[in-house]
Amino acid sequence: MSPYISFWIPAGVLTAALVIKLPSIVRLWKDPLLRAVGGLLVLACAIFVFAAPPTIAWTNRVTGVPNISAPLVYSILTAFGGSCLLLIASWRYGISDRSEITRRAMRWVAIAYSGVITALWVLFALADVHEERLRDLDTYYATTHFMRELILLYLLAHAVAGMITAKLIWNWVRTEGLDAWLRGGLTCLGIGNAMNLAFDGLKLSAVVARWTGHDLDRLSTDLAPPVASVAAVLIAVGFVLPHVGQYLQRRALIRLSHWHLRPLYLLMRGVSGDRVPFKLRATPELRLMRRETFIRDALLRLSRYVDEDLDRRACDSALRLGHEAGRARTLAHVVTIQDAIETKRHKGDATAPFNSPDIEDLLAGIEAISQVLRDTHDIKAVRDRAAAAAESVPPA
């Protein structure tokens, strides 16, 4: 197993998250929040790519400047922390509906983190860091003038952004009325930011230990990278989960509706003799729309045979059998449809009287009607009771 797996796994997960989000970003390019999410995922991926020891060695060799990867990686990390804070604030409060105080605060955050990044490069230029360090630069140069301040500055900037972001997220999670997928995504983002704070704590503990003459380098070199990896994966999941979850839920509901309509579709197909043409490349949405249209068209052609008196008697019968109002209405529709089919078969189109009943309620409830078709026992009970009720009515 590669010793740098804690860098490559999160880089791969973040890249996958970006690929998942990319179609939405391209399609809705004018949406600043989507563009910001894409940029944030790029920054997060860049952190692990450029922080991997092989990439550090390559960057130092190409530029000819020992340890120049340090301010580069720390700048990306600082930009990520600040951008994450700005994105969560924009996501939480909206782009156009923010108050002047919120806009001013976000403007100051952007200025402050831009200043931190500038200061990192200035401090690096002043520091004496000629010996290349691929894994333990933070602790090795923890007591070096200017480099000490650089390390402390990036850790504090990252920690402050993480704390504020985590606070915003947890406050948001506790609000009522959130979509389940959004709540799940925010929870992942909150945990990821909390783990980023753990990363900062491990790094800072190792650095402070060096200041006091102790050796806790393993906290920085061995424990901090895996913690950052898990945090990155959680953050990637947090940004992608609402989008993917809602998409999959919509697809599942569409396929479920298509399946629910199958009994009524088969019944109407038997009446009309036609069927919905199968298209291999048709989307689930198109297949559902075609099935719904086919059923409604068949019911409209069948409407001249609908007995409205039977519909009322069947509904009353279902209510007397103990069914709640909505189910009673649906059972009555099923009985009425079955009766209309039988009437059509016996009388035929030529002898059928012109009839134009109000079947708007029936057309609107085709999915519920289709599902009730499977309950043959309840349908039979309602039909028999409605027939008995008709027989008990004295002739005029």
Protein backbone atom coordinates (compact mmCIF):
# COMPACT_ATOMS: atom_id res chain seq x y z
CA MET A 1 0.00 0.00 0.00
CA SER A 2 1.30 3.45 -0.88
CA PRO A 3 2.59 5.44 2.11
CA TYR A 4 0.83 8.48 0.66
CA ILE A 5 -2.64 6.93 0.51
CA SER A 6 -3.94 9.48 3.02
CA PHE A 7 -3.29 12.11 0.33
CA TRP A 8 -4.48 10.26 -2.79
CA ILE A 9 -7.77 8.87 -1.41
CA PRO A 10 -9.26 12.27 -0.46
CA ALA A 11 -7.93 13.75 -3.71
CA GLY A 12 -9.78 11.00 -5.61
CA VAL A 13 -12.99 11.45 -3.59
CA LEU A 14 -12.93 15.22 -4.07
CA THR A 15 -12.34 14.79 -7.80
CA ALA A 16 -15.29 12.39 -7.99
CA ALA A 17 -17.44 14.92 -6.11
CA LEU A 18 -16.41 17.62 -8.59
CA VAL A 19 -17.26 15.35 -11.54
CA ILE A 20 -20.70 14.68 -10.03
CA LYS A 21 -21.34 18.38 -9.55
CA LEU A 22 -19.85 19.45 -12.89
CA PRO A 23 -22.97 18.91 -15.08
CA SER A 24 -25.05 21.10 -12.76
CA ILE A 25 -22.31 23.73 -12.63
CA VAL A 26 -22.04 23.86 -16.43
CA ARG A 27 -25.83 23.82 -16.93
CA LEU A 28 -26.44 26.52 -14.31
CA TRP A 29 -23.22 28.46 -14.78
CA LYS A 30 -24.87 31.77 -13.84
CA ASP A 31 -25.60 30.45 -10.34
CA PRO A 32 -22.78 31.91 -8.17
CA LEU A 33 -23.29 29.32 -5.40
CA LEU A 34 -22.77 26.40 -7.77
CA ARG A 35 -19.66 28.04 -9.19
CA ALA A 36 -18.39 28.58 -5.67
CA VAL A 37 -18.95 24.93 -4.75
CA GLY A 38 -17.00 23.89 -7.84
CA GLY A 39 -14.17 26.25 -6.95
CA LEU A 40 -14.13 25.02 -3.37
CA LEU A 41 -13.88 21.38 -4.46
CA VAL A 42 -11.00 22.31 -6.77
CA LEU A 43 -9.20 24.01 -3.87
CA ALA A 44 -9.79 21.03 -1.57
CA CYS A 45 -8.47 18.63 -4.20
CA ALA A 46 -5.45 20.88 -4.83
CA ILE A 47 -4.55 20.80 -1.13
CA PHE A 48 -4.04 17.03 -1.13
CA VAL A 49 -2.38 16.93 -4.55
CA PHE A 50 0.16 19.63 -3.68
CA ALA A 51 0.62 18.44 -0.07
CA ALA A 52 1.64 14.91 -1.13
CA PRO A 53 5.39 14.45 -0.61
CA PRO A 54 6.04 13.41 -4.25
CA THR A 55 4.32 16.59 -5.47
CA ILE A 56 6.21 18.68 -2.92
CA ALA A 57 9.53 17.30 -4.18
CA TRP A 58 8.49 17.88 -7.81
CA THR A 59 7.37 21.48 -7.14
CA ASN A 60 10.57 22.31 -5.27
CA ARG A 61 12.67 20.77 -8.05
CA VAL A 62 10.84 22.52 -10.90
CA THR A 63 10.96 25.96 -9.26
CA GLY A 64 14.48 25.49 -7.91
CA VAL A 65 13.40 26.94 -4.54
CA PRO A 66 13.67 24.59 -1.53
CA ASN A 67 10.39 24.25 0.38
CA ILE A 68 8.46 26.66 -1.83
CA SER A 69 5.65 24.11 -1.62
CA ALA A 70 5.10 25.24 1.98
CA PRO A 71 3.63 28.70 1.27
CA LEU A 72 1.87 27.27 -1.79
CA VAL A 73 0.07 24.53 0.16
CA TYR A 74 -0.60 26.80 3.12
CA SER A 75 -2.03 29.47 0.81
CA ILE A 76 -4.39 26.96 -0.78
CA LEU A 77 -5.38 25.69 2.68
CA THR A 78 -6.02 29.25 3.89
CA ALA A 79 -7.99 30.10 0.75
CA PHE A 80 -10.04 26.94 1.24
CA GLY A 81 -10.86 27.85 4.86
CA GLY A 82 -11.91 31.37 3.98
CA SER A 83 -13.85 30.27 0.90
CA CYS A 84 -15.68 27.60 2.86
CA LEU A 85 -16.73 30.20 5.42
CA LEU A 86 -17.94 32.59 2.70
CA LEU A 87 -19.78 29.83 0.84
CA ILE A 88 -21.62 28.54 3.90
CA ALA A 89 -22.62 32.09 4.84
CA SER A 90 -23.88 32.75 1.29
CA TRP A 91 -25.63 29.38 1.15
CA ARG A 92 -27.24 29.96 4.54
CA TYR A 93 -28.37 33.56 4.08
CA GLY A 94 -28.70 33.75 0.29
CA ILE A 95 -26.93 35.91 -2.24
CA SER A 96 -29.40 38.77 -2.62
CA ASP A 97 -31.16 38.80 0.76
CA ARG A 98 -28.16 39.44 3.00
CA SER A 99 -28.16 42.45 5.29
CA GLU A 100 -25.59 45.20 4.94
CA ILE A 101 -23.89 43.96 8.13
CA THR A 102 -23.55 40.45 6.71
CA ARG A 103 -22.19 41.76 3.40
CA ARG A 104 -19.68 43.94 5.22
CA ALA A 105 -18.57 41.02 7.41
CA MET A 106 -18.08 38.78 4.37
CA ARG A 107 -16.13 41.51 2.61
CA TRP A 108 -13.82 41.77 5.62
CA VAL A 109 -13.37 37.98 5.66
CA ALA A 110 -12.25 38.08 2.02
CA ILE A 111 -9.86 40.95 2.72
CA ALA A 112 -8.46 39.33 5.88
CA TYR A 113 -7.78 35.96 4.26
CA SER A 114 -6.25 37.62 1.21
CA GLY A 115 -3.99 39.49 3.62
CA VAL A 116 -3.06 36.24 5.40
CA ILE A 117 -2.05 34.63 2.10
CA THR A 118 0.09 37.66 1.22
CA ALA A 119 1.71 37.54 4.66
CA LEU A 120 2.55 33.84 4.24
CA TRP A 121 4.61 34.56 1.13
CA VAL A 122 6.33 37.55 2.72
CA LEU A 123 7.30 35.52 5.79
CA PHE A 124 8.56 32.68 3.61
CA ALA A 125 10.73 35.11 1.65
CA LEU A 126 12.25 36.35 4.93
CA ALA A 127 12.79 32.89 6.45
CA ASP A 128 15.93 30.80 6.12
CA VAL A 129 14.61 27.40 4.94
CA HIS A 130 17.28 25.96 2.68
CA GLU A 131 16.98 22.32 3.81
CA GLU A 132 14.12 20.58 2.00
CA ARG A 133 11.60 18.81 4.23
CA LEU A 134 8.91 16.70 2.59
CA ARG A 135 6.85 15.53 5.60
CA ASP A 136 7.92 17.32 8.76
CA LEU A 137 8.43 20.92 7.69
CA ASP A 138 6.07 22.31 10.35
CA THR A 139 7.93 20.76 13.26
CA TYR A 140 11.43 20.97 11.75
CA TYR A 141 11.17 24.73 11.22
CA ALA A 142 8.91 25.39 14.24
CA THR A 143 11.60 27.45 15.97
CA THR A 144 13.00 29.18 12.86
CA HIS A 145 12.49 32.93 12.69
CA PHE A 146 9.70 34.02 10.32
CA MET A 147 8.91 30.40 9.51
CA ARG A 148 7.59 30.02 13.05
CA GLU A 149 5.24 32.95 12.48
CA LEU A 150 4.24 31.59 9.06
CA ILE A 151 3.26 28.21 10.51
CA LEU A 152 1.35 29.76 13.39
CA LEU A 153 -0.44 32.19 11.07
CA TYR A 154 -1.76 29.57 8.65
CA LEU A 155 -2.88 27.26 11.47
CA LEU A 156 -4.72 30.02 13.30
CA ALA A 157 -6.34 31.35 10.10
CA HIS A 158 -7.51 27.87 9.17
CA ALA A 159 -8.78 27.15 12.69
CA VAL A 160 -10.71 30.43 12.96
CA ALA A 161 -12.41 29.84 9.62
CA GLY A 162 -13.22 26.27 10.65
CA MET A 163 -14.73 27.32 13.98
CA ILE A 164 -16.96 30.00 12.47
CA THR A 165 -18.01 27.72 9.61
CA ALA A 166 -18.83 24.87 11.99
CA LYS A 167 -20.88 27.24 14.16
CA LEU A 168 -22.88 28.48 11.14
CA ILE A 169 -23.48 24.92 9.99
CA TRP A 170 -24.65 23.58 13.36
CA ASN A 171 -26.97 26.56 13.83
CA TRP A 172 -28.42 25.85 10.39
CA VAL A 173 -28.83 22.11 11.05
CA ARG A 174 -30.97 22.86 14.10
CA THR A 175 -33.48 24.92 12.13
CA GLU A 176 -36.83 23.34 11.31
CA GLY A 177 -38.16 22.50 7.88
CA LEU A 178 -34.88 21.40 6.29
CA ASP A 179 -34.94 18.81 3.54
CA ALA A 180 -33.56 15.50 4.86
CA TRP A 181 -30.83 15.39 2.22
CA LEU A 182 -29.77 18.97 2.95
CA ARG A 183 -29.71 18.22 6.68
CA GLY A 184 -27.56 15.15 6.03
CA GLY A 185 -25.18 17.13 3.84
CA LEU A 186 -24.87 19.90 6.43
CA THR A 187 -24.19 17.31 9.15
CA CYS A 188 -21.34 15.86 7.08
CA LEU A 189 -19.99 19.37 6.49
CA GLY A 190 -20.19 20.13 10.21
CA ILE A 191 -18.34 16.95 11.19
CA GLY A 192 -15.77 17.57 8.45
CA ASN A 193 -15.09 21.08 9.74
CA ALA A 194 -14.84 19.77 13.30
CA MET A 195 -12.24 17.25 12.12
CA ASN A 196 -10.36 20.07 10.40
CA LEU A 197 -10.16 21.73 13.80
CA ALA A 198 -8.73 18.47 15.16
CA PHE A 199 -6.14 18.61 12.36
CA ASP A 200 -5.19 22.15 13.38
CA GLY A 201 -5.01 21.06 17.03
CA LEU A 202 -2.66 18.16 16.25
CA LYS A 203 -0.39 20.35 14.14
CA LEU A 204 -0.34 23.14 16.70
CA SER A 205 0.35 20.72 19.56
CA ALA A 206 3.38 19.32 17.74
CA VAL A 207 4.67 22.83 16.97
CA VAL A 208 4.19 24.05 20.55
CA ALA A 209 5.97 20.91 21.79
CA ARG A 210 8.97 21.89 19.68
CA TRP A 211 8.89 25.39 21.22
CA THR A 212 9.09 23.85 24.67
CA GLY A 213 11.84 21.39 23.78
CA HIS A 214 9.65 18.28 23.45
CA ASP A 215 9.13 15.92 20.53
CA LEU A 216 5.52 15.26 19.48
CA ASP A 217 6.29 15.25 15.77
CA ARG A 218 4.17 12.14 15.18
CA LEU A 219 1.05 14.19 15.87
CA SER A 220 1.90 16.31 12.84
CA THR A 221 3.42 13.75 10.49
CA ASP A 222 1.44 10.57 11.28
CA LEU A 223 -1.92 11.56 12.81
CA ALA A 224 -2.81 14.90 11.22
CA PRO A 225 -2.81 13.75 7.55
CA PRO A 226 -5.36 10.90 8.08
CA VAL A 227 -7.59 13.25 10.09
CA ALA A 228 -7.45 15.79 7.26
CA SER A 229 -8.24 13.00 4.78
CA VAL A 230 -11.39 11.94 6.63
CA ALA A 231 -12.41 15.60 6.99
CA ALA A 232 -12.00 16.14 3.24
CA VAL A 233 -14.09 13.08 2.41
CA LEU A 234 -16.86 14.25 4.76
CA ILE A 235 -16.81 17.75 3.27
CA ALA A 236 -17.00 16.30 -0.25
CA VAL A 237 -19.94 14.12 0.78
CA GLY A 238 -21.56 17.12 2.47
CA PHE A 239 -21.52 19.19 -0.71
CA VAL A 240 -22.61 16.35 -3.00
CA LEU A 241 -25.18 14.57 -0.81
CA PRO A 242 -28.06 17.09 -1.19
CA HIS A 243 -27.66 17.13 -4.97
CA VAL A 244 -27.21 13.38 -5.45
CA GLY A 245 -29.76 12.43 -2.78
CA GLN A 246 -32.51 14.66 -4.17
CA TYR A 247 -31.75 13.47 -7.72
CA LEU A 248 -31.91 9.80 -6.75
CA GLN A 249 -35.05 10.38 -4.69
CA ARG A 250 -36.78 12.05 -7.64
CA ARG A 251 -35.76 9.18 -9.92
CA ALA A 252 -36.96 6.60 -7.39
CA LEU A 253 -40.33 8.35 -7.01
CA ILE A 254 -40.76 8.53 -10.78
CA ARG A 255 -39.98 4.83 -11.21
CA LEU A 256 -42.26 4.01 -8.28
CA SER A 257 -45.12 6.00 -9.81
CA HIS A 258 -44.54 4.21 -13.12
CA TRP A 259 -44.79 0.86 -11.32
CA HIS A 260 -47.87 1.93 -9.35
CA LEU A 261 -49.67 2.78 -12.60
CA ARG A 262 -49.01 -0.67 -14.09
CA PRO A 263 -52.30 -2.37 -12.97
CA LEU A 264 -54.47 0.43 -14.37
CA TYR A 265 -52.32 0.63 -17.51
CA LEU A 266 -52.79 -3.11 -18.14
CA LEU A 267 -56.54 -2.76 -17.58
CA MET A 268 -56.82 0.16 -20.00
CA ARG A 269 -54.60 -1.61 -22.52
CA GLY A 270 -57.00 -4.55 -22.46
CA VAL A 271 -59.90 -2.20 -23.18
CA SER A 272 -58.32 -0.17 -25.97
CA GLY A 273 -56.11 -2.86 -27.50
CA ASP A 274 -53.27 -0.32 -27.81
CA ARG A 275 -50.12 0.08 -25.76
CA VAL A 276 -47.51 2.71 -24.99
CA PRO A 277 -44.68 2.36 -27.54
CA PHE A 278 -41.45 1.24 -25.90
CA LYS A 279 -38.44 3.49 -26.49
CA LEU A 280 -35.12 2.15 -25.21
CA ARG A 281 -33.60 5.61 -24.76
CA ALA A 282 -36.68 7.21 -23.22
CA THR A 283 -36.04 8.82 -19.83
CA PRO A 284 -38.01 7.63 -16.77
CA GLU A 285 -39.83 10.98 -16.76
CA LEU A 286 -40.91 10.51 -20.39
CA ARG A 287 -42.04 6.92 -19.77
CA LEU A 288 -44.13 8.04 -16.80
CA MET A 289 -45.68 10.89 -18.78
CA ARG A 290 -46.55 8.55 -21.66
CA ARG A 291 -48.14 6.00 -19.36
CA GLU A 292 -50.18 8.71 -17.59
CA THR A 293 -51.30 10.16 -20.92
CA PHE A 294 -52.27 6.72 -22.25
CA ILE A 295 -54.36 5.95 -19.15
CA ARG A 296 -56.13 9.32 -19.14
CA ASP A 297 -56.90 9.13 -22.86
CA ALA A 298 -58.34 5.63 -22.40
CA LEU A 299 -60.45 6.80 -19.46
CA LEU A 300 -61.77 9.77 -21.45
CA ARG A 301 -62.89 7.39 -24.22
CA LEU A 302 -64.50 5.20 -21.56
CA SER A 303 -66.24 8.12 -19.83
CA ARG A 304 -69.45 7.80 -21.92
CA TYR A 305 -70.10 4.48 -20.17
CA VAL A 306 -69.54 5.81 -16.63
CA ASP A 307 -72.53 5.44 -14.30
CA GLU A 308 -72.45 8.37 -11.90
CA ASP A 309 -75.21 6.90 -9.74
CA LEU A 310 -73.13 3.75 -9.30
CA ASP A 311 -70.13 5.89 -8.36
CA ARG A 312 -72.13 7.60 -5.58
CA ARG A 313 -73.59 4.31 -4.31
CA ALA A 314 -70.16 2.67 -4.33
CA CYS A 315 -68.64 5.56 -2.37
CA ASP A 316 -71.44 5.39 0.24
CA SER A 317 -71.01 1.62 0.43
CA ALA A 318 -67.25 1.91 0.99
CA LEU A 319 -67.83 4.45 3.74
CA ARG A 320 -70.32 2.13 5.45
CA LEU A 321 -67.77 -0.68 5.23
CA GLY A 322 -65.43 1.43 7.37
CA HIS A 323 -63.04 2.86 4.76
CA GLU A 324 -61.82 6.42 5.25
CA ALA A 325 -63.11 9.05 2.83
CA GLY A 326 -60.13 9.12 0.43
CA ARG A 327 -59.94 5.35 0.05
CA ALA A 328 -63.72 5.11 -0.24
CA ARG A 329 -63.63 7.59 -3.12
CA THR A 330 -60.88 5.58 -4.84
CA LEU A 331 -62.67 2.24 -4.37
CA ALA A 332 -65.78 3.79 -5.86
CA HIS A 333 -63.81 4.93 -8.91
CA VAL A 334 -62.46 1.41 -9.41
CA VAL A 335 -65.94 -0.11 -9.23
CA THR A 336 -67.22 2.54 -11.67
CA ILE A 337 -64.37 1.92 -14.13
CA GLN A 338 -64.89 -1.84 -14.06
CA ASP A 339 -68.62 -1.36 -14.62
CA ALA A 340 -67.94 1.01 -17.54
CA ILE A 341 -65.65 -1.59 -19.13
CA GLU A 342 -68.34 -4.27 -18.80
CA THR A 343 -70.97 -1.90 -20.23
CA LYS A 344 -68.75 -1.12 -23.21
CA ARG A 345 -68.17 -4.79 -23.91
CA HIS A 346 -71.90 -5.59 -23.85
CA LYS A 347 -73.30 -2.55 -25.65
CA GLY A 348 -70.48 -1.60 -27.98
CA ASP A 349 -69.77 1.86 -29.38
CA ALA A 350 -72.70 1.94 -31.77
CA THR A 351 -75.42 1.59 -29.13
CA ALA A 352 -73.77 3.53 -26.32
CA PRO A 353 -75.75 6.65 -25.37
CA PHE A 354 -73.95 9.96 -25.33
CA ASN A 355 -72.85 10.70 -21.78
CA SER A 356 -70.49 13.35 -20.47
CA PRO A 357 -69.99 12.81 -16.73
CA ASP A 358 -67.57 14.80 -14.60
CA ILE A 359 -64.54 12.51 -14.29
CA GLU A 360 -61.98 15.15 -13.33
CA ASP A 361 -61.55 13.60 -9.87
CA LEU A 362 -61.10 10.18 -11.44
CA LEU A 363 -58.44 11.42 -13.88
CA ALA A 364 -56.53 13.16 -11.10
CA GLY A 365 -56.35 10.04 -8.93
CA ILE A 366 -55.13 7.45 -11.43
CA GLU A 367 -52.14 6.37 -9.32
CA ALA A 368 -54.29 5.71 -6.23
CA ILE A 369 -56.88 3.94 -8.41
CA SER A 370 -54.19 1.74 -9.92
CA GLN A 371 -52.87 0.73 -6.51
CA VAL A 372 -56.37 -0.10 -5.23
CA LEU A 373 -56.88 -2.44 -8.20
CA ARG A 374 -54.70 -4.97 -6.37
CA ASP A 375 -57.16 -5.08 -3.42
CA THR A 376 -59.67 -7.38 -5.10
CA HIS A 377 -61.36 -8.35 -1.82
CA ASP A 378 -62.24 -4.73 -0.91
CA ILE A 379 -63.37 -4.00 -4.48
CA LYS A 380 -65.69 -7.00 -4.49
CA ALA A 381 -67.15 -6.05 -1.10
CA VAL A 382 -67.91 -2.50 -2.27
CA ARG A 383 -69.34 -3.70 -5.60
CA ASP A 384 -71.63 -6.23 -3.92
CA ARG A 385 -72.87 -3.70 -1.35
CA ALA A 386 -73.45 -1.07 -4.05
CA ALA A 387 -75.42 -3.61 -6.11
CA ALA A 388 -77.50 -4.56 -3.07
CA ALA A 389 -78.19 -0.89 -2.40
CA ALA A 390 -79.40 -0.45 -5.99
CA GLU A 391 -81.74 -3.41 -5.70
CA SER A 392 -83.21 -2.09 -2.45
CA VAL A 393 -84.24 1.20 -4.06
CA PRO A 394 -87.94 0.98 -5.04
CA PRO A 395 -88.74 1.79 -8.67
CA ALA A 396 -90.12 5.24 -9.34
